[in-house]
Amino acid sequence: MRCAAYDEDVRVSSKGDYACRALLSLALHDTAPGPTSVRDIAERTAIPQPYLEQILLALKGAGLVRSKRGVGGGYVLARPPAEIRISEILSAVDGPISLGDFGEPHQDGACDHEGQCVLLAIWKNAGEHMRRILDGFTLQSVADAARGTSPWPEALVDAGREPLRT
């Protein structure tokens, strides 16, 4: 019997990607006066408006955006872009960053399922590594890269440098 192959890439959910894109749009247009309407964000990011509304509510619940109702209403970032980490955005819509919920490994080789605990320890370590990388990116650093005023993210990670630029 053959085992199913695992994808080589760690995946970010569509909801997580959309949440990051929506907040990046707000960061890129942070000099605009007043809140940005859901419609404008949806048009700029090509995110379906009904789905975007759900995502923005989750981001509001996490304290990442504020909203204003009525004429001239919409959303603004709740904090400066330099204080919002990509990991926070993903966690707000998808829960804690991990490679899966496989449980905790037993300690000191006391595993009761043919070494499964060694794999659990690897998954836990890889999830922590991914979380550290995502913690290193802020909306500001991503917006700066999008504007061409700082290096692209993979250049920083490939060089072994911390992505966060303060």
C-alpha atoms as a PDB file:
ATOM      1  CA  MET A   1       0.000   0.000   0.000  1.00  0.00           C
ATOM      2  CA  ARG A   2       1.368   3.409  -0.965  1.00  0.00           C
ATOM      3  CA  CYS A   3       1.045   6.512   1.152  1.00  0.00           C
ATOM      4  CA  ALA A   4      -0.519   9.630  -0.326  1.00  0.00           C
ATOM      5  CA  ALA A   5       2.065  12.264  -1.168  1.00  0.00           C
ATOM      6  CA  TYR A   6       2.119  15.475   0.843  1.00  0.00           C
ATOM      7  CA  ASP A   7       2.165  18.811  -0.943  1.00  0.00           C
ATOM      8  CA  GLU A   8       5.609  20.366  -0.864  1.00  0.00           C
ATOM      9  CA  ASP A   9       4.229  23.823  -0.104  1.00  0.00           C
ATOM     10  CA  VAL A  10       2.648  24.992   3.108  1.00  0.00           C
ATOM     11  CA  ARG A  11      -0.615  26.596   2.123  1.00  0.00           C
ATOM     12  CA  VAL A  12      -2.293  29.758   3.289  1.00  0.00           C
ATOM     13  CA  SER A  13      -6.093  29.549   3.045  1.00  0.00           C
ATOM     14  CA  SER A  14      -7.995  31.708   0.570  1.00  0.00           C
ATOM     15  CA  LYS A  15      -9.525  33.505   3.539  1.00  0.00           C
ATOM     16  CA  GLY A  16      -6.052  34.236   4.939  1.00  0.00           C
ATOM     17  CA  ASP A  17      -4.811  35.452   1.563  1.00  0.00           C
ATOM     18  CA  TYR A  18      -7.873  37.670   1.096  1.00  0.00           C
ATOM     19  CA  ALA A  19      -7.500  39.107   4.605  1.00  0.00           C
ATOM     20  CA  CYS A  20      -3.865  40.012   3.907  1.00  0.00           C
ATOM     21  CA  ARG A  21      -4.767  41.497   0.524  1.00  0.00           C
ATOM     22  CA  ALA A  22      -7.579  43.590   2.035  1.00  0.00           C
ATOM     23  CA  LEU A  23      -5.369  45.020   4.778  1.00  0.00           C
ATOM     24  CA  LEU A  24      -2.522  45.573   2.323  1.00  0.00           C
ATOM     25  CA  SER A  25      -4.927  47.597   0.190  1.00  0.00           C
ATOM     26  CA  LEU A  26      -5.774  49.731   3.225  1.00  0.00           C
ATOM     27  CA  ALA A  27      -2.069  50.162   3.986  1.00  0.00           C
ATOM     28  CA  LEU A  28      -1.237  51.137   0.398  1.00  0.00           C
ATOM     29  CA  HIS A  29      -3.987  53.774   0.454  1.00  0.00           C
ATOM     30  CA  ASP A  30      -3.489  54.955   4.032  1.00  0.00           C
ATOM     31  CA  THR A  31      -3.075  58.582   2.950  1.00  0.00           C
ATOM     32  CA  ALA A  32      -6.640  58.704   1.620  1.00  0.00           C
ATOM     33  CA  PRO A  33      -8.930  60.755   3.859  1.00  0.00           C
ATOM     34  CA  GLY A  34     -11.521  58.798   5.812  1.00  0.00           C
ATOM     35  CA  PRO A  35     -12.502  55.152   5.743  1.00  0.00           C
ATOM     36  CA  THR A  36     -12.393  52.989   2.624  1.00  0.00           C
ATOM     37  CA  SER A  37     -15.645  51.362   1.561  1.00  0.00           C
ATOM     38  CA  VAL A  38     -15.949  47.595   1.285  1.00  0.00           C
ATOM     39  CA  ARG A  39     -16.854  48.107  -2.363  1.00  0.00           C
ATOM     40  CA  ASP A  40     -13.606  49.998  -3.059  1.00  0.00           C
ATOM     41  CA  ILE A  41     -11.510  47.351  -1.289  1.00  0.00           C
ATOM     42  CA  ALA A  42     -13.319  44.596  -3.209  1.00  0.00           C
ATOM     43  CA  GLU A  43     -12.726  46.343  -6.548  1.00  0.00           C
ATOM     44  CA  ARG A  44      -9.035  46.983  -5.853  1.00  0.00           C
ATOM     45  CA  THR A  45      -8.336  43.448  -4.649  1.00  0.00           C
ATOM     46  CA  ALA A  46     -10.751  41.406  -6.820  1.00  0.00           C
ATOM     47  CA  ILE A  47     -12.209  39.808  -3.679  1.00  0.00           C
ATOM     48  CA  PRO A  48     -15.939  39.015  -3.854  1.00  0.00           C
ATOM     49  CA  GLN A  49     -17.668  41.681  -1.751  1.00  0.00           C
ATOM     50  CA  PRO A  50     -19.904  39.351   0.339  1.00  0.00           C
ATOM     51  CA  TYR A  51     -16.885  37.227   1.313  1.00  0.00           C
ATOM     52  CA  LEU A  52     -14.804  40.354   1.994  1.00  0.00           C
ATOM     53  CA  GLU A  53     -17.492  41.634   4.371  1.00  0.00           C
ATOM     54  CA  GLN A  54     -17.215  38.425   6.430  1.00  0.00           C
ATOM     55  CA  ILE A  55     -13.424  38.675   6.491  1.00  0.00           C
ATOM     56  CA  LEU A  56     -13.465  42.319   7.540  1.00  0.00           C
ATOM     57  CA  LEU A  57     -15.823  41.478  10.414  1.00  0.00           C
ATOM     58  CA  ALA A  58     -13.346  38.856  11.651  1.00  0.00           C
ATOM     59  CA  LEU A  59     -10.492  41.372  11.315  1.00  0.00           C
ATOM     60  CA  LYS A  60     -12.545  43.934  13.227  1.00  0.00           C
ATOM     61  CA  GLY A  61     -13.179  41.377  15.978  1.00  0.00           C
ATOM     62  CA  ALA A  62      -9.425  40.828  16.204  1.00  0.00           C
ATOM     63  CA  GLY A  63      -8.833  44.573  16.568  1.00  0.00           C
ATOM     64  CA  LEU A  64      -6.994  44.947  13.262  1.00  0.00           C
ATOM     65  CA  VAL A  65      -9.505  47.309  11.604  1.00  0.00           C
ATOM     66  CA  ARG A  66     -12.123  49.801  12.731  1.00  0.00           C
ATOM     67  CA  SER A  67     -15.325  50.547  10.878  1.00  0.00           C
ATOM     68  CA  LYS A  68     -17.622  53.501  10.405  1.00  0.00           C
ATOM     69  CA  ARG A  69     -21.222  53.040   9.335  1.00  0.00           C
ATOM     70  CA  GLY A  70     -23.319  55.157   7.043  1.00  0.00           C
ATOM     71  CA  VAL A  71     -22.482  57.624   4.287  1.00  0.00           C
ATOM     72  CA  GLY A  72     -18.722  57.906   3.947  1.00  0.00           C
ATOM     73  CA  GLY A  73     -18.319  54.777   6.029  1.00  0.00           C
ATOM     74  CA  GLY A  74     -15.967  51.913   5.570  1.00  0.00           C
ATOM     75  CA  TYR A  75     -12.820  50.533   7.160  1.00  0.00           C
ATOM     76  CA  VAL A  76      -9.489  51.871   8.395  1.00  0.00           C
ATOM     77  CA  LEU A  77      -6.546  50.092   9.973  1.00  0.00           C
ATOM     78  CA  ALA A  78      -6.825  50.064  13.756  1.00  0.00           C
ATOM     79  CA  ARG A  79      -3.052  50.466  14.162  1.00  0.00           C
ATOM     80  CA  PRO A  80      -0.209  51.744  11.990  1.00  0.00           C
ATOM     81  CA  PRO A  81       0.837  49.242   9.290  1.00  0.00           C
ATOM     82  CA  ALA A  82       4.238  48.825  10.974  1.00  0.00           C
ATOM     83  CA  GLU A  83       2.470  47.397  14.032  1.00  0.00           C
ATOM     84  CA  ILE A  84       0.354  44.779  12.226  1.00  0.00           C
ATOM     85  CA  ARG A  85       2.113  41.484  11.555  1.00  0.00           C
ATOM     86  CA  ILE A  86       1.105  39.136   8.759  1.00  0.00           C
ATOM     87  CA  SER A  87       0.902  36.342  11.335  1.00  0.00           C
ATOM     88  CA  GLU A  88      -1.760  38.327  13.237  1.00  0.00           C
ATOM     89  CA  ILE A  89      -3.876  38.732  10.121  1.00  0.00           C
ATOM     90  CA  LEU A  90      -3.745  35.021   9.298  1.00  0.00           C
ATOM     91  CA  SER A  91      -4.483  34.034  12.893  1.00  0.00           C
ATOM     92  CA  ALA A  92      -7.467  36.397  12.999  1.00  0.00           C
ATOM     93  CA  VAL A  93      -9.253  34.595  10.175  1.00  0.00           C
ATOM     94  CA  ASP A  94      -7.818  31.067  10.338  1.00  0.00           C
ATOM     95  CA  GLY A  95      -6.836  30.521  13.963  1.00  0.00           C
ATOM     96  CA  PRO A  96      -3.348  29.718  15.233  1.00  0.00           C
ATOM     97  CA  ILE A  97      -0.638  29.162  12.633  1.00  0.00           C
ATOM     98  CA  SER A  98       0.347  25.499  12.544  1.00  0.00           C
ATOM     99  CA  LEU A  99       0.904  22.688  10.112  1.00  0.00           C
ATOM    100  CA  GLY A 100      -2.036  20.806  11.572  1.00  0.00           C
ATOM    101  CA  ASP A 101      -3.619  19.739  14.811  1.00  0.00           C
ATOM    102  CA  PHE A 102      -2.011  16.370  15.340  1.00  0.00           C
ATOM    103  CA  GLY A 103      -1.626  16.571  19.105  1.00  0.00           C
ATOM    104  CA  GLU A 104       1.432  16.900  21.290  1.00  0.00           C
ATOM    105  CA  PRO A 105       4.370  14.498  21.099  1.00  0.00           C
ATOM    106  CA  HIS A 106       5.258  12.330  24.069  1.00  0.00           C
ATOM    107  CA  GLN A 107       8.551  13.282  25.618  1.00  0.00           C
ATOM    108  CA  ASP A 108      11.782  11.282  25.813  1.00  0.00           C
ATOM    109  CA  GLY A 109      10.846   8.563  23.333  1.00  0.00           C
ATOM    110  CA  ALA A 110       7.781   7.360  25.246  1.00  0.00           C
ATOM    111  CA  CYS A 111       5.777   7.093  22.045  1.00  0.00           C
ATOM    112  CA  ASP A 112       3.068   4.501  21.731  1.00  0.00           C
ATOM    113  CA  HIS A 113       2.493   4.565  17.952  1.00  0.00           C
ATOM    114  CA  GLU A 114       5.619   3.466  16.072  1.00  0.00           C
ATOM    115  CA  GLY A 115       7.573   6.687  16.385  1.00  0.00           C
ATOM    116  CA  GLN A 116       4.657   8.964  15.508  1.00  0.00           C
ATOM    117  CA  CYS A 117       5.806  11.344  18.255  1.00  0.00           C
ATOM    118  CA  VAL A 118       9.000  12.083  16.348  1.00  0.00           C
ATOM    119  CA  LEU A 119       6.883  13.234  13.410  1.00  0.00           C
ATOM    120  CA  LEU A 120       4.659  15.267  15.725  1.00  0.00           C
ATOM    121  CA  ALA A 121       7.749  17.027  17.067  1.00  0.00           C
ATOM    122  CA  ILE A 122       8.857  17.815  13.491  1.00  0.00           C
ATOM    123  CA  TRP A 123       5.420  19.218  12.554  1.00  0.00           C
ATOM    124  CA  LYS A 124       5.394  21.346  15.701  1.00  0.00           C
ATOM    125  CA  ASN A 125       8.889  22.679  14.981  1.00  0.00           C
ATOM    126  CA  ALA A 126       8.044  23.449  11.346  1.00  0.00           C
ATOM    127  CA  GLY A 127       4.867  25.296  12.409  1.00  0.00           C
ATOM    128  CA  GLU A 128       6.871  27.377  14.883  1.00  0.00           C
ATOM    129  CA  HIS A 129       9.410  28.202  12.159  1.00  0.00           C
ATOM    130  CA  MET A 130       6.628  29.287   9.800  1.00  0.00           C
ATOM    131  CA  ARG A 131       5.086  31.437  12.544  1.00  0.00           C
ATOM    132  CA  ARG A 132       8.464  33.135  13.199  1.00  0.00           C
ATOM    133  CA  ILE A 133       8.868  33.965   9.512  1.00  0.00           C
ATOM    134  CA  LEU A 134       5.351  35.400   9.283  1.00  0.00           C
ATOM    135  CA  ASP A 135       5.907  37.358  12.511  1.00  0.00           C
ATOM    136  CA  GLY A 136       8.806  39.059  10.722  1.00  0.00           C
ATOM    137  CA  PHE A 137       6.595  40.687   8.115  1.00  0.00           C
ATOM    138  CA  THR A 138       4.423  43.690   8.876  1.00  0.00           C
ATOM    139  CA  LEU A 139       1.892  45.355   6.618  1.00  0.00           C
ATOM    140  CA  GLN A 140       4.404  48.197   6.347  1.00  0.00           C
ATOM    141  CA  SER A 141       7.235  45.941   5.139  1.00  0.00           C
ATOM    142  CA  VAL A 142       4.908  44.291   2.611  1.00  0.00           C
ATOM    143  CA  ALA A 143       3.558  47.656   1.432  1.00  0.00           C
ATOM    144  CA  ASP A 144       7.131  48.954   1.060  1.00  0.00           C
ATOM    145  CA  ALA A 145       8.039  45.924  -1.064  1.00  0.00           C
ATOM    146  CA  ALA A 146       4.875  46.408  -3.151  1.00  0.00           C
ATOM    147  CA  ARG A 147       5.860  50.046  -3.723  1.00  0.00           C
ATOM    148  CA  GLY A 148       9.389  48.989  -4.685  1.00  0.00           C
ATOM    149  CA  THR A 149      11.024  50.847  -1.798  1.00  0.00           C
ATOM    150  CA  SER A 150      12.354  47.752  -0.005  1.00  0.00           C
ATOM    151  CA  PRO A 151      13.515  44.259  -1.018  1.00  0.00           C
ATOM    152  CA  TRP A 152      11.051  41.559  -2.003  1.00  0.00           C
ATOM    153  CA  PRO A 153      10.268  39.152   0.859  1.00  0.00           C
ATOM    154  CA  GLU A 154      11.999  36.102  -0.634  1.00  0.00           C
ATOM    155  CA  ALA A 155      15.216  38.088  -0.996  1.00  0.00           C
ATOM    156  CA  LEU A 156      15.244  38.660   2.758  1.00  0.00           C
ATOM    157  CA  VAL A 157      14.347  35.071   3.674  1.00  0.00           C
ATOM    158  CA  ASP A 158      16.767  33.564   1.120  1.00  0.00           C
ATOM    159  CA  ALA A 159      19.568  35.743   2.505  1.00  0.00           C
ATOM    160  CA  GLY A 160      18.856  34.332   5.965  1.00  0.00           C
ATOM    161  CA  ARG A 161      17.969  37.776   7.297  1.00  0.00           C
ATOM    162  CA  GLU A 162      15.013  38.559   9.469  1.00  0.00           C
ATOM    163  CA  PRO A 163      12.315  39.985   7.191  1.00  0.00           C
ATOM    164  CA  LEU A 164      11.160  42.645   9.640  1.00  0.00           C
ATOM    165  CA  ARG A 165      12.597  46.059   8.884  1.00  0.00           C
ATOM    166  CA  THR A 166      12.197  48.522  11.714  1.00  0.00           C
END
